[in-house]
Amino acid sequence: MQTAEARILIKKILESDVKFDGHFDKCFNNLKHTQQEELIEWVRACKELKINPIQSKTNREIIGFVKRIGSNIRAMLTKEKKGYFIELFLDKHKYYEIEMNKLGF
């Protein structure tokens, strides 16, 4: 799946103009096809609240969903507690930890 196609599909699933952060394009393109499909299904499960979110310690109105892909790639989807999805972060573990700390998770 191409990155542009994935972005469109994810926005359609989330029914939101979600931002893509980290090195989304590069990381997504480097995923195996099965991992790409797994990421899309995980986004769908987050939308349906089948995945338990984590609560931000610094902003009580923000929740996040976290997924480990392979040994070094992490995905984090953030959402307003009673609102829209905000951002899908996809990057290596090192950058993911920085982002988690920044958001208070």
PDB file of N, CA and C in Angstrom:
ATOM      1  N   MET A   1       0.855  -1.180   0.000  1.00  0.00           N
ATOM      2  CA  MET A   1       0.000   0.000   0.000  1.00  0.00           C
ATOM      3  C   MET A   1       0.898   1.239   0.000  1.00  0.00           C
ATOM      4  N   GLN A   2       0.534   2.220  -0.776  1.00  0.00           N
ATOM      5  CA  GLN A   2       1.277   3.470  -0.834  1.00  0.00           C
ATOM      6  C   GLN A   2       0.898   4.364   0.345  1.00  0.00           C
ATOM      7  N   THR A   3       1.815   5.224   0.742  1.00  0.00           N
ATOM      8  CA  THR A   3       1.596   6.099   1.896  1.00  0.00           C
ATOM      9  C   THR A   3       0.388   7.012   1.700  1.00  0.00           C
ATOM     10  N   ALA A   4       0.253   7.601   0.520  1.00  0.00           N
ATOM     11  CA  ALA A   4      -0.876   8.501   0.264  1.00  0.00           C
ATOM     12  C   ALA A   4      -2.199   7.760   0.404  1.00  0.00           C
ATOM     13  N   GLU A   5      -2.255   6.541  -0.087  1.00  0.00           N
ATOM     14  CA  GLU A   5      -3.457   5.715   0.019  1.00  0.00           C
ATOM     15  C   GLU A   5      -3.763   5.399   1.487  1.00  0.00           C
ATOM     16  N   ALA A   6      -2.714   5.102   2.251  1.00  0.00           N
ATOM     17  CA  ALA A   6      -2.890   4.806   3.680  1.00  0.00           C
ATOM     18  C   ALA A   6      -3.416   6.031   4.427  1.00  0.00           C
ATOM     19  N   ARG A   7      -2.879   7.194   4.131  1.00  0.00           N
ATOM     20  CA  ARG A   7      -3.334   8.428   4.789  1.00  0.00           C
ATOM     21  C   ARG A   7      -4.823   8.664   4.540  1.00  0.00           C
ATOM     22  N   ILE A   8      -5.243   8.486   3.308  1.00  0.00           N
ATOM     23  CA  ILE A   8      -6.660   8.684   2.951  1.00  0.00           C
ATOM     24  C   ILE A   8      -7.535   7.681   3.699  1.00  0.00           C
ATOM     25  N   LEU A   9      -7.103   6.419   3.712  1.00  0.00           N
ATOM     26  CA  LEU A   9      -7.870   5.366   4.378  1.00  0.00           C
ATOM     27  C   LEU A   9      -7.967   5.625   5.879  1.00  0.00           C
ATOM     28  N   ILE A  10      -6.870   6.024   6.502  1.00  0.00           N
ATOM     29  CA  ILE A  10      -6.871   6.296   7.944  1.00  0.00           C
ATOM     30  C   ILE A  10      -7.783   7.470   8.272  1.00  0.00           C
ATOM     31  N   LYS A  11      -7.729   8.521   7.483  1.00  0.00           N
ATOM     32  CA  LYS A  11      -8.615   9.677   7.712  1.00  0.00           C
ATOM     33  C   LYS A  11     -10.081   9.274   7.553  1.00  0.00           C
ATOM     34  N   LYS A  12     -10.351   8.407   6.594  1.00  0.00           N
ATOM     35  CA  LYS A  12     -11.727   7.935   6.384  1.00  0.00           C
ATOM     36  C   LYS A  12     -12.199   7.097   7.574  1.00  0.00           C
ATOM     37  N   ILE A  13     -11.345   6.200   8.059  1.00  0.00           N
ATOM     38  CA  ILE A  13     -11.691   5.357   9.210  1.00  0.00           C
ATOM     39  C   ILE A  13     -11.983   6.219  10.429  1.00  0.00           C
ATOM     40  N   LEU A  14     -11.093   7.192  10.699  1.00  0.00           N
ATOM     41  CA  LEU A  14     -11.212   8.021  11.896  1.00  0.00           C
ATOM     42  C   LEU A  14     -12.249   9.134  11.755  1.00  0.00           C
ATOM     43  N   GLU A  15     -12.720   9.358  10.526  1.00  0.00           N
ATOM     44  CA  GLU A  15     -13.677  10.434  10.255  1.00  0.00           C
ATOM     45  C   GLU A  15     -13.157  11.752  10.808  1.00  0.00           C
ATOM     46  N   SER A  16     -11.864  11.983  10.590  1.00  0.00           N
ATOM     47  CA  SER A  16     -11.205  13.157  11.149  1.00  0.00           C
ATOM     48  C   SER A  16     -10.016  13.516  10.265  1.00  0.00           C
ATOM     49  N   ASP A  17      -9.670  14.788  10.245  1.00  0.00           N
ATOM     50  CA  ASP A  17      -8.511  15.260   9.502  1.00  0.00           C
ATOM     51  C   ASP A  17      -7.277  15.130  10.391  1.00  0.00           C
ATOM     52  N   VAL A  18      -6.980  13.895  10.762  1.00  0.00           N
ATOM     53  CA  VAL A  18      -5.879  13.598  11.671  1.00  0.00           C
ATOM     54  C   VAL A  18      -4.550  14.001  11.037  1.00  0.00           C
ATOM     55  N   LYS A  19      -3.615  14.495  11.875  1.00  0.00           N
ATOM     56  CA  LYS A  19      -2.278  14.834  11.406  1.00  0.00           C
ATOM     57  C   LYS A  19      -1.406  13.585  11.480  1.00  0.00           C
ATOM     58  N   PHE A  20      -0.397  13.545  10.648  1.00  0.00           N
ATOM     59  CA  PHE A  20       0.557  12.445  10.639  1.00  0.00           C
ATOM     60  C   PHE A  20       1.898  13.009  11.060  1.00  0.00           C
ATOM     61  N   ASP A  21       2.500  12.415  12.096  1.00  0.00           N
ATOM     62  CA  ASP A  21       3.725  12.958  12.664  1.00  0.00           C
ATOM     63  C   ASP A  21       4.807  11.892  12.725  1.00  0.00           C
ATOM     64  N   GLY A  22       5.970  12.302  13.180  1.00  0.00           N
ATOM     65  CA  GLY A  22       7.115  11.412  13.175  1.00  0.00           C
ATOM     66  C   GLY A  22       7.597  11.293  11.744  1.00  0.00           C
ATOM     67  N   HIS A  23       8.168  10.200  11.422  1.00  0.00           N
ATOM     68  CA  HIS A  23       8.582   9.936  10.042  1.00  0.00           C
ATOM     69  C   HIS A  23       7.580   8.953   9.446  1.00  0.00           C
ATOM     70  N   PHE A  24       6.311   9.372   9.420  1.00  0.00           N
ATOM     71  CA  PHE A  24       5.227   8.479   9.020  1.00  0.00           C
ATOM     72  C   PHE A  24       5.478   7.859   7.654  1.00  0.00           C
ATOM     73  N   ASP A  25       5.741   8.680   6.654  1.00  0.00           N
ATOM     74  CA  ASP A  25       5.895   8.160   5.289  1.00  0.00           C
ATOM     75  C   ASP A  25       7.020   7.140   5.195  1.00  0.00           C
ATOM     76  N   LYS A  26       8.172   7.502   5.705  1.00  0.00           N
ATOM     77  CA  LYS A  26       9.335   6.616   5.632  1.00  0.00           C
ATOM     78  C   LYS A  26       9.087   5.314   6.392  1.00  0.00           C
ATOM     79  N   CYS A  27       8.565   5.421   7.605  1.00  0.00           N
ATOM     80  CA  CYS A  27       8.321   4.219   8.411  1.00  0.00           C
ATOM     81  C   CYS A  27       7.246   3.337   7.791  1.00  0.00           C
ATOM     82  N   PHE A  28       6.167   3.954   7.309  1.00  0.00           N
ATOM     83  CA  PHE A  28       5.084   3.171   6.720  1.00  0.00           C
ATOM     84  C   PHE A  28       5.575   2.428   5.481  1.00  0.00           C
ATOM     85  N   ASN A  29       6.361   3.105   4.654  1.00  0.00           N
ATOM     86  CA  ASN A  29       6.880   2.465   3.440  1.00  0.00           C
ATOM     87  C   ASN A  29       7.820   1.313   3.754  1.00  0.00           C
ATOM     88  N   ASN A  30       8.482   1.359   4.902  1.00  0.00           N
ATOM     89  CA  ASN A  30       9.416   0.302   5.273  1.00  0.00           C
ATOM     90  C   ASN A  30       8.738  -0.884   5.966  1.00  0.00           C
ATOM     91  N   LEU A  31       7.448  -0.752   6.278  1.00  0.00           N
ATOM     92  CA  LEU A  31       6.718  -1.861   6.890  1.00  0.00           C
ATOM     93  C   LEU A  31       6.392  -2.919   5.845  1.00  0.00           C
ATOM     94  N   LYS A  32       6.359  -4.169   6.285  1.00  0.00           N
ATOM     95  CA  LYS A  32       5.884  -5.240   5.408  1.00  0.00           C
ATOM     96  C   LYS A  32       4.404  -5.020   5.161  1.00  0.00           C
ATOM     97  N   HIS A  33       3.903  -5.596   4.075  1.00  0.00           N
ATOM     98  CA  HIS A  33       2.488  -5.428   3.729  1.00  0.00           C
ATOM     99  C   HIS A  33       1.577  -5.885   4.875  1.00  0.00           C
ATOM    100  N   THR A  34       1.922  -6.997   5.513  1.00  0.00           N
ATOM    101  CA  THR A  34       1.103  -7.499   6.620  1.00  0.00           C
ATOM    102  C   THR A  34       1.126  -6.527   7.805  1.00  0.00           C
ATOM    103  N   GLN A  35       2.275  -5.889   8.044  1.00  0.00           N
ATOM    104  CA  GLN A  35       2.372  -4.912   9.125  1.00  0.00           C
ATOM    105  C   GLN A  35       1.564  -3.659   8.799  1.00  0.00           C
ATOM    106  N   GLN A  36       1.548  -3.273   7.531  1.00  0.00           N
ATOM    107  CA  GLN A  36       0.728  -2.129   7.118  1.00  0.00           C
ATOM    108  C   GLN A  36      -0.750  -2.422   7.370  1.00  0.00           C
ATOM    109  N   GLU A  37      -1.184  -3.607   6.993  1.00  0.00           N
ATOM    110  CA  GLU A  37      -2.579  -4.007   7.224  1.00  0.00           C
ATOM    111  C   GLU A  37      -2.892  -4.062   8.718  1.00  0.00           C
ATOM    112  N   GLU A  38      -1.935  -4.558   9.499  1.00  0.00           N
ATOM    113  CA  GLU A  38      -2.101  -4.636  10.948  1.00  0.00           C
ATOM    114  C   GLU A  38      -2.263  -3.241  11.552  1.00  0.00           C
ATOM    115  N   LEU A  39      -1.486  -2.275  11.056  1.00  0.00           N
ATOM    116  CA  LEU A  39      -1.594  -0.894  11.521  1.00  0.00           C
ATOM    117  C   LEU A  39      -2.972  -0.314  11.197  1.00  0.00           C
ATOM    118  N   ILE A  40      -3.465  -0.560   9.991  1.00  0.00           N
ATOM    119  CA  ILE A  40      -4.785  -0.067   9.580  1.00  0.00           C
ATOM    120  C   ILE A  40      -5.872  -0.686  10.466  1.00  0.00           C
ATOM    121  N   GLU A  41      -5.779  -1.981  10.733  1.00  0.00           N
ATOM    122  CA  GLU A  41      -6.763  -2.646  11.595  1.00  0.00           C
ATOM    123  C   GLU A  41      -6.688  -2.119  13.025  1.00  0.00           C
ATOM    124  N   TRP A  42      -5.494  -1.802  13.491  1.00  0.00           N
ATOM    125  CA  TRP A  42      -5.315  -1.230  14.826  1.00  0.00           C
ATOM    126  C   TRP A  42      -5.987   0.146  14.895  1.00  0.00           C
ATOM    127  N   VAL A  43      -5.835   0.952  13.859  1.00  0.00           N
ATOM    128  CA  VAL A  43      -6.498   2.264  13.802  1.00  0.00           C
ATOM    129  C   VAL A  43      -8.007   2.072  13.890  1.00  0.00           C
ATOM    130  N   ARG A  44      -8.529   1.110  13.162  1.00  0.00           N
ATOM    131  CA  ARG A  44      -9.970   0.815  13.184  1.00  0.00           C
ATOM    132  C   ARG A  44     -10.408   0.399  14.595  1.00  0.00           C
ATOM    133  N   ALA A  45      -9.620  -0.441  15.258  1.00  0.00           N
ATOM    134  CA  ALA A  45      -9.935  -0.890  16.619  1.00  0.00           C
ATOM    135  C   ALA A  45      -9.895   0.280  17.604  1.00  0.00           C
ATOM    136  N   CYS A  46      -8.958   1.203  17.403  1.00  0.00           N
ATOM    137  CA  CYS A  46      -8.898   2.406  18.261  1.00  0.00           C
ATOM    138  C   CYS A  46     -10.162   3.242  18.075  1.00  0.00           C
ATOM    139  N   LYS A  47     -10.575   3.411  16.843  1.00  0.00           N
ATOM    140  CA  LYS A  47     -11.786   4.194  16.536  1.00  0.00           C
ATOM    141  C   LYS A  47     -12.992   3.589  17.242  1.00  0.00           C
ATOM    142  N   GLU A  48     -13.067   2.264  17.261  1.00  0.00           N
ATOM    143  CA  GLU A  48     -14.196   1.561  17.875  1.00  0.00           C
ATOM    144  C   GLU A  48     -14.001   1.368  19.378  1.00  0.00           C
ATOM    145  N   LEU A  49     -12.926   1.948  19.921  1.00  0.00           N
ATOM    146  CA  LEU A  49     -12.574   1.866  21.349  1.00  0.00           C
ATOM    147  C   LEU A  49     -12.443   0.426  21.843  1.00  0.00           C
ATOM    148  N   LYS A  50     -11.937  -0.451  20.967  1.00  0.00           N
ATOM    149  CA  LYS A  50     -11.663  -1.831  21.352  1.00  0.00           C
ATOM    150  C   LYS A  50     -10.282  -1.953  21.998  1.00  0.00           C
ATOM    151  N   ILE A  51      -9.493  -0.892  21.892  1.00  0.00           N
ATOM    152  CA  ILE A  51      -8.165  -0.835  22.489  1.00  0.00           C
ATOM    153  C   ILE A  51      -8.257   0.100  23.692  1.00  0.00           C
ATOM    154  N   ASN A  52      -7.683  -0.313  24.811  1.00  0.00           N
ATOM    155  CA  ASN A  52      -7.705   0.531  26.006  1.00  0.00           C
ATOM    156  C   ASN A  52      -6.728   1.692  25.847  1.00  0.00           C
ATOM    157  N   PRO A  53      -7.211   2.924  26.029  1.00  0.00           N
ATOM    158  CA  PRO A  53      -6.324   4.082  25.892  1.00  0.00           C
ATOM    159  C   PRO A  53      -5.534   4.345  27.168  1.00  0.00           C
ATOM    160  N   ILE A  54      -4.494   5.157  27.014  1.00  0.00           N
ATOM    161  CA  ILE A  54      -3.752   5.649  28.164  1.00  0.00           C
ATOM    162  C   ILE A  54      -4.086   7.128  28.332  1.00  0.00           C
ATOM    163  N   GLN A  55      -4.010   7.622  29.539  1.00  0.00           N
ATOM    164  CA  GLN A  55      -4.382   9.001  29.875  1.00  0.00           C
ATOM    165  C   GLN A  55      -3.131   9.866  29.992  1.00  0.00           C
ATOM    166  N   SER A  56      -3.167  11.041  29.390  1.00  0.00           N
ATOM    167  CA  SER A  56      -2.070  11.993  29.542  1.00  0.00           C
ATOM    168  C   SER A  56      -2.060  12.516  30.972  1.00  0.00           C
ATOM    169  N   LYS A  57      -0.874  12.622  31.553  1.00  0.00           N
ATOM    170  CA  LYS A  57      -0.751  13.150  32.911  1.00  0.00           C
ATOM    171  C   LYS A  57      -0.730  14.669  32.933  1.00  0.00           C
ATOM    172  N   THR A  58      -0.398  15.288  31.790  1.00  0.00           N
ATOM    173  CA  THR A  58      -0.305  16.750  31.739  1.00  0.00           C
ATOM    174  C   THR A  58      -1.552  17.418  31.170  1.00  0.00           C
ATOM    175  N   ASN A  59      -2.308  16.694  30.353  1.00  0.00           N
ATOM    176  CA  ASN A  59      -3.541  17.238  29.774  1.00  0.00           C
ATOM    177  C   ASN A  59      -4.621  16.177  29.901  1.00  0.00           C
ATOM    178  N   ARG A  60      -5.482  16.336  30.866  1.00  0.00           N
ATOM    179  CA  ARG A  60      -6.505  15.326  31.171  1.00  0.00           C
ATOM    180  C   ARG A  60      -7.542  15.153  30.062  1.00  0.00           C
ATOM    181  N   GLU A  61      -7.519  16.004  29.053  1.00  0.00           N
ATOM    182  CA  GLU A  61      -8.465  15.895  27.947  1.00  0.00           C
ATOM    183  C   GLU A  61      -7.915  15.093  26.777  1.00  0.00           C
ATOM    184  N   ILE A  62      -6.678  14.594  26.919  1.00  0.00           N
ATOM    185  CA  ILE A  62      -6.034  13.843  25.843  1.00  0.00           C
ATOM    186  C   ILE A  62      -5.831  12.385  26.272  1.00  0.00           C
ATOM    187  N   ILE A  63      -6.209  11.480  25.376  1.00  0.00           N
ATOM    188  CA  ILE A  63      -5.926  10.064  25.576  1.00  0.00           C
ATOM    189  C   ILE A  63      -5.111   9.575  24.380  1.00  0.00           C
ATOM    190  N   GLY A  64      -4.441   8.462  24.572  1.00  0.00           N
ATOM    191  CA  GLY A  64      -3.614   7.928  23.501  1.00  0.00           C
ATOM    192  C   GLY A  64      -3.719   6.421  23.409  1.00  0.00           C
ATOM    193  N   PHE A  65      -3.458   5.922  22.229  1.00  0.00           N
ATOM    194  CA  PHE A  65      -3.423   4.490  21.955  1.00  0.00           C
ATOM    195  C   PHE A  65      -2.025   4.186  21.430  1.00  0.00           C
ATOM    196  N   VAL A  66      -1.429   3.109  21.905  1.00  0.00           N
ATOM    197  CA  VAL A  66      -0.041   2.810  21.567  1.00  0.00           C
ATOM    198  C   VAL A  66       0.068   1.417  20.962  1.00  0.00           C
ATOM    199  N   LYS A  67       0.916   1.306  19.934  1.00  0.00           N
ATOM    200  CA  LYS A  67       1.136   0.008  19.283  1.00  0.00           C
ATOM    201  C   LYS A  67       2.617  -0.161  18.964  1.00  0.00           C
ATOM    202  N   ARG A  68       3.104  -1.337  19.251  1.00  0.00           N
ATOM    203  CA  ARG A  68       4.470  -1.711  18.902  1.00  0.00           C
ATOM    204  C   ARG A  68       4.421  -2.499  17.594  1.00  0.00           C
ATOM    205  N   ILE A  69       5.261  -2.111  16.638  1.00  0.00           N
ATOM    206  CA  ILE A  69       5.321  -2.800  15.347  1.00  0.00           C
ATOM    207  C   ILE A  69       6.756  -3.263  15.147  1.00  0.00           C
ATOM    208  N   GLY A  70       6.950  -4.546  15.118  1.00  0.00           N
ATOM    209  CA  GLY A  70       8.307  -5.069  14.994  1.00  0.00           C
ATOM    210  C   GLY A  70       9.114  -4.743  16.233  1.00  0.00           C
ATOM    211  N   SER A  71      10.412  -4.706  16.076  1.00  0.00           N
ATOM    212  CA  SER A  71      11.261  -4.464  17.241  1.00  0.00           C
ATOM    213  C   SER A  71      11.550  -2.991  17.489  1.00  0.00           C
ATOM    214  N   ASN A  72      11.378  -2.134  16.473  1.00  0.00           N
ATOM    215  CA  ASN A  72      11.830  -0.758  16.649  1.00  0.00           C
ATOM    216  C   ASN A  72      10.809   0.322  16.262  1.00  0.00           C
ATOM    217  N   ILE A  73       9.687  -0.027  15.697  1.00  0.00           N
ATOM    218  CA  ILE A  73       8.708   0.977  15.250  1.00  0.00           C
ATOM    219  C   ILE A  73       7.561   1.038  16.247  1.00  0.00           C
ATOM    220  N   ARG A  74       7.135   2.258  16.548  1.00  0.00           N
ATOM    221  CA  ARG A  74       6.017   2.475  17.465  1.00  0.00           C
ATOM    222  C   ARG A  74       5.001   3.407  16.806  1.00  0.00           C
ATOM    223  N   ALA A  75       3.737   3.132  17.091  1.00  0.00           N
ATOM    224  CA  ALA A  75       2.645   3.990  16.626  1.00  0.00           C
ATOM    225  C   ALA A  75       1.914   4.519  17.854  1.00  0.00           C
ATOM    226  N   MET A  76       1.505   5.771  17.771  1.00  0.00           N
ATOM    227  CA  MET A  76       0.716   6.368  18.846  1.00  0.00           C
ATOM    228  C   MET A  76      -0.368   7.226  18.192  1.00  0.00           C
ATOM    229  N   LEU A  77      -1.582   6.952  18.582  1.00  0.00           N
ATOM    230  CA  LEU A  77      -2.729   7.694  18.075  1.00  0.00           C
ATOM    231  C   LEU A  77      -3.318   8.487  19.235  1.00  0.00           C
ATOM    232  N   THR A  78      -3.386   9.812  19.085  1.00  0.00           N
ATOM    233  CA  THR A  78      -3.918  10.650  20.157  1.00  0.00           C
ATOM    234  C   THR A  78      -5.309  11.142  19.791  1.00  0.00           C
ATOM    235  N   LYS A  79      -6.101  11.369  20.849  1.00  0.00           N
ATOM    236  CA  LYS A  79      -7.500  11.754  20.670  1.00  0.00           C
ATOM    237  C   LYS A  79      -7.927  12.677  21.800  1.00  0.00           C
ATOM    238  N   GLU A  80      -8.782  13.640  21.464  1.00  0.00           N
ATOM    239  CA  GLU A  80      -9.435  14.427  22.508  1.00  0.00           C
ATOM    240  C   GLU A  80     -10.415  13.488  23.192  1.00  0.00           C
ATOM    241  N   LYS A  81     -10.486  13.556  24.499  1.00  0.00           N
ATOM    242  CA  LYS A  81     -11.316  12.615  25.255  1.00  0.00           C
ATOM    243  C   LYS A  81     -12.752  12.552  24.735  1.00  0.00           C
ATOM    244  N   LYS A  82     -13.336  13.693  24.495  1.00  0.00           N
ATOM    245  CA  LYS A  82     -14.725  13.721  24.027  1.00  0.00           C
ATOM    246  C   LYS A  82     -14.816  14.357  22.647  1.00  0.00           C
ATOM    247  N   GLY A  83     -13.768  14.166  21.846  1.00  0.00           N
ATOM    248  CA  GLY A  83     -13.744  14.826  20.550  1.00  0.00           C
ATOM    249  C   GLY A  83     -13.095  13.975  19.474  1.00  0.00           C
ATOM    250  N   TYR A  84     -12.339  14.666  18.640  1.00  0.00           N
ATOM    251  CA  TYR A  84     -11.770  14.072  17.447  1.00  0.00           C
ATOM    252  C   TYR A  84     -10.386  13.486  17.692  1.00  0.00           C
ATOM    253  N   PHE A  85      -9.982  12.612  16.782  1.00  0.00           N
ATOM    254  CA  PHE A  85      -8.616  12.120  16.784  1.00  0.00           C
ATOM    255  C   PHE A  85      -7.710  13.255  16.320  1.00  0.00           C
ATOM    256  N   ILE A  86      -6.545  13.352  16.924  1.00  0.00           N
ATOM    257  CA  ILE A  86      -5.649  14.478  16.687  1.00  0.00           C
ATOM    258  C   ILE A  86      -4.495  14.109  15.765  1.00  0.00           C
ATOM    259  N   GLU A  87      -3.784  13.034  16.127  1.00  0.00           N
ATOM    260  CA  GLU A  87      -2.530  12.773  15.443  1.00  0.00           C
ATOM    261  C   GLU A  87      -2.181  11.292  15.473  1.00  0.00           C
ATOM    262  N   LEU A  88      -1.609  10.821  14.363  1.00  0.00           N
ATOM    263  CA  LEU A  88      -1.056   9.470  14.304  1.00  0.00           C
ATOM    264  C   LEU A  88       0.450   9.621  14.154  1.00  0.00           C
ATOM    265  N   PHE A  89       1.161   9.184  15.169  1.00  0.00           N
ATOM    266  CA  PHE A  89       2.610   9.271  15.203  1.00  0.00           C
ATOM    267  C   PHE A  89       3.179   7.893  14.878  1.00  0.00           C
ATOM    268  N   LEU A  90       4.110   7.839  13.937  1.00  0.00           N
ATOM    269  CA  LEU A  90       4.748   6.577  13.564  1.00  0.00           C
ATOM    270  C   LEU A  90       6.232   6.845  13.385  1.00  0.00           C
ATOM    271  N   ASP A  91       7.040   6.196  14.206  1.00  0.00           N
ATOM    272  CA  ASP A  91       8.475   6.444  14.130  1.00  0.00           C
ATOM    273  C   ASP A  91       9.236   5.377  14.908  1.00  0.00           C
ATOM    274  N   LYS A  92      10.544   5.525  14.924  1.00  0.00           N
ATOM    275  CA  LYS A  92      11.395   4.603  15.671  1.00  0.00           C
ATOM    276  C   LYS A  92      11.212   4.809  17.167  1.00  0.00           C
ATOM    277  N   HIS A  93      11.583   3.801  17.924  1.00  0.00           N
ATOM    278  CA  HIS A  93      11.389   3.777  19.367  1.00  0.00           C
ATOM    279  C   HIS A  93      11.961   5.011  20.057  1.00  0.00           C
ATOM    280  N   LYS A  94      13.138   5.469  19.662  1.00  0.00           N
ATOM    281  CA  LYS A  94      13.798   6.624  20.292  1.00  0.00           C
ATOM    282  C   LYS A  94      12.922   7.887  20.205  1.00  0.00           C
ATOM    283  N   TYR A  95      12.381   8.161  19.027  1.00  0.00           N
ATOM    284  CA  TYR A  95      11.556   9.354  18.834  1.00  0.00           C
ATOM    285  C   TYR A  95      10.197   9.204  19.510  1.00  0.00           C
ATOM    286  N   TYR A  96       9.712   7.975  19.554  1.00  0.00           N
ATOM    287  CA  TYR A  96       8.444   7.673  20.218  1.00  0.00           C
ATOM    288  C   TYR A  96       8.521   8.023  21.702  1.00  0.00           C
ATOM    289  N   GLU A  97       9.628   7.691  22.359  1.00  0.00           N
ATOM    290  CA  GLU A  97       9.775   7.999  23.778  1.00  0.00           C
ATOM    291  C   GLU A  97       9.772   9.509  24.017  1.00  0.00           C
ATOM    292  N   ILE A  98      10.411  10.262  23.135  1.00  0.00           N
ATOM    293  CA  ILE A  98      10.417  11.727  23.240  1.00  0.00           C
ATOM    294  C   ILE A  98       8.992  12.254  23.105  1.00  0.00           C
ATOM    295  N   GLU A  99       8.261  11.744  22.144  1.00  0.00           N
ATOM    296  CA  GLU A  99       6.869  12.170  21.917  1.00  0.00           C
ATOM    297  C   GLU A  99       5.981  11.809  23.102  1.00  0.00           C
ATOM    298  N   MET A 100       6.164  10.622  23.658  1.00  0.00           N
ATOM    299  CA  MET A 100       5.380  10.198  24.823  1.00  0.00           C
ATOM    300  C   MET A 100       5.608  11.155  25.991  1.00  0.00           C
ATOM    301  N   ASN A 101       6.850  11.504  26.252  1.00  0.00           N
ATOM    302  CA  ASN A 101       7.165  12.436  27.340  1.00  0.00           C
ATOM    303  C   ASN A 101       6.583  13.813  27.073  1.00  0.00           C
ATOM    304  N   LYS A 102       6.669  14.267  25.832  1.00  0.00           N
ATOM    305  CA  LYS A 102       6.140  15.586  25.460  1.00  0.00           C
ATOM    306  C   LYS A 102       4.633  15.680  25.731  1.00  0.00           C
ATOM    307  N   LEU A 103       3.921  14.576  25.458  1.00  0.00           N
ATOM    308  CA  LEU A 103       2.463  14.565  25.639  1.00  0.00           C
ATOM    309  C   LEU A 103       2.023  14.180  27.039  1.00  0.00           C
ATOM    310  N   GLY A 104       2.968  13.764  27.871  1.00  0.00           N
ATOM    311  CA  GLY A 104       2.635  13.446  29.257  1.00  0.00           C
ATOM    312  C   GLY A 104       2.117  12.039  29.474  1.00  0.00           C
ATOM    313  N   PHE A 105       2.461  11.129  28.598  1.00  0.00           N
ATOM    314  CA  PHE A 105       2.035   9.729  28.757  1.00  0.00           C
ATOM    315  C   PHE A 105       3.079   8.961  29.524  1.00  0.00           C
TER     316      PHE A 105
END
